[in-house]
Amino acid sequence: MKARAWPSVGAVLGALRGSGAIARSSALSAALAIASPEEAESIAPELLELAADAPSPGAGRASRARRSASDTALASLLTGWERLPRQVRLALPAVGDGRWGALGPHLEYADDPSALQGLARAIDRLDARPLAPVLVRALSAGEEPAAYAERALVRLAARVARESAEARTDASLDPRDLHLAPVARGVRQALAALATHKRRGVALAAVLLLPGRGRTFAVDGEGAAALADLASLVGERDHPAGVAFRGALRNASESRVRGRAWVLLSEAPFAVAALDRLRHASSLEEHEALLTRHHLALHPARPARLASVRITPAKAASSRLGGDPRSPGPGSALPASEELEKLSVPARRGLARLVAVFDPAPSVRDALLGPLLGDADPAVRLWGVGAVGAHELEDYVFDADASVARRACLRWSVAGEGGVLGAGASSRRAAIAGRLMRSAHASVRTLASQELARHDEHRAHEPASRALARRRLASDPDGTLARWRAAIEQGARGDAEAERFAIRVLGTVRAIGAAEKLGACLIGVAPGVAPGERPRLAATLASALAEAPGGAAAEILKAWLAPEAAGDARVRANALEALARRRRLLGENAGDGAGARAWRERLMEWRTDGAHRVRASAVRELLRGEAAGEMGVYEAKPGELLEGSIVQGAVVGSLCSMLEDDRAAHRLAGVWAAERAVVGGGRERLGPSLSELAGRLHGLAERDADPRIRARAGRCAAIAGEAVRTGWGERGEG
């Protein structure tokens, strides 16, 4: 009798096509589990066809049956991954997209080691994150399936962690699409069963996945709850999961783990293990993992714990290899100086910031931060400014980038610091500040000017400079006065540089009111200063003589007032103002005697002088309330107006003629005199003439050809107009 032949695979598949979906799916799934590679070539496409035929959920009974058959076929393809042809594997991601979570019940009873191994490989390759809990069974199914499952859990956790970090900065990513919850649950279940399967590598998945405390998941609440359960488990000190977690954090070779250790350093249960991991780095990638997360140093717990890490120089070993002996040695927590150029820009920025956190020895710090001065990235240099010492700041203040130079200047400045610098240090700082005054950056020039005033006592226009001069005069009066006296005497007989310095010294003397203490020096120097040859020095000296005691100073000033003697209008004007100041301060020629009458007569003559400075100074003195009162013609009380007074007549007429002069210098000087007349008590001084003066000033502000005159006249006219309107209001009330 002839033996009966078995039907071919093709014939069986043809016969099955007429069966129901569930029966066909079950038969094909069982066949794939025992098929040879050649047979799987035919069976797998049939299963793929069934898997792709998945009706929408919620349809009728027939549709639900087709859906169940489709899910069974898809689950069989996963467990039979090892036998699938390449074309079927490539098609599975599209077929299973969005359906992985529904396959759990169909995989619940998969216990064959071969099937679990294929399942682990499929979940890894297809990134089927909702199936992560299924991998726990594979961890106890033998060495090879367990290895694949362990690797799959680590990779899934790494992907979720990476995409979770991206979702924090990319609004287009929805955290709920990351499937964080099933992955976290799978990792937790694997760690909870650690005593059974002994696969300690799953702890690495927890290290990569677990965020630091304070990280919130406002959208994915399920994922946040799963992570909280995972953190609670690995935080137990004596649980095998906690021991394995700390071991992975301390010893795992993955470069990413160092970055996770930096994150978890703020967590008390993991701080010791994290600190051990941060003490060393064996590759450039490990340095990058720490340095690119430099912003985490803002949490106070991290810098406080990291400060215990000691970074020592390489010394002899590095010298033999041609490196910097001050640089950190191999395996140190920070990279060697010769490795800095290989770091990415974010890592170099982080280095500049974290060097201050590690607080290494000064020599190590200099070796690490020195190369940053020439870094092409301005942000790297900007962070370097915050870490370098005071000496290195002297290089950064000249940086080509304005923000870097400005921050360096702010750090380099001694503003707000107590104590007094020595003469050498102060002179050095003054020299650097002087060079910075020529900086291309306006903000640096401003800071340099302020800093220069803190070290140069002869910048009288700066409050800090005047304060410095007063401190030095109070602490060493004899030495300071002798130094100033020598500078003034040298300027009177020296070159142009000595003369300029003497002028600055005289400005300081005047600003702090020390002219009286140097009166003898000023009187002794003045005869040797020819106003025609040294007009600036003579003009400054004339102003200083206002406070010099004795009649000799007044005689010098009177001599310089004569046009034939002085020759320079600035000297004559300053001499006139100095004499007027002496009358107010020292009482010279005060009262109604012959000297006072002679002074008044001279003022009336000088108000028509050909020099605009002298002319304006004379008018200004006549417009002073006390000058008018001494003349006995304008003694009005505040608010009282007298017609026909000299202030309203001759003096105001002189002022108005200056405002109408054809010469721009005389008009500008007239505005200067008017400004000083109307500011503070102008209405009492000028009476009804104030209204006329305000009108003339408005005319200059609108029509004068000189922009300087227009600007200054506009400011003065506004003040005068306000005074006139105030007077109208008071009259109405009266």
Foldseek 3Di string as FASTA:
>chain_A
DDDDDDDDLVVVLVVLVVPQLQVSLVVLLVCLVPDDLVSLAVSLVVLLVLLQPQDDPPDDPSNVSSNVSNLLSLLSCQLSVVSHDPVSLVCNLVSCVPPLLVNCVSCVPDQALSSLLSNLQSCQVSVSQNCLLVLLSLLQNDDRSVVSNLVSLQNLLLVLLVVVVVVVVDVVDDNVVSSLQSSLQSLQSNLQCCVRNVPLSSLNSLLSRAFAPPDDDPRPPNNVVSSVSSCVQLLDCPRSSVVSNLVCLQDPPDLLSLLSLLRHCLPVSNVVSSLNNLFFDQDLSNLQSNLLVLVSVVPVSNLVSLLVREFAFCAPVQVVVVFDRREGDHGGSHDGLVCLVVHDPSSLLSQLQCCQSNVYDLSHLCSNLVVQLPDPDVSSLQSNLVRHDLVCLLSQLQDPDQNSNLSSLVVNACPPPDDDDDLVVLVVLLVSLVVQCPHPHPSSVVSSVQRNLCSALLPLVHPNSLVVLVVVCVVPVVVSLVVLLVLLQCLLPHDPVSVVVNLSSLSSCVSNVVLQVCLVSLLVSQVSHQCVVNVSSLLSSLLSLLNHDDPSSLVSLVQCLDCVRRVDLSNNLSSLVSVVSNCVPVVPQDDQDPSVVVNLVVLLVQCPDPRLSSNLSSLLQCLDPVNQVRVVFQDDDPLDADPPGCLQPVSVVSLVCQCVDPDPSSNQSSLVSLLSCLPDCNCSSHPPCLVVVLVSLCVCLVDPPDPVSNVSSVVSSVSSVVVVVVSVVVVVVD
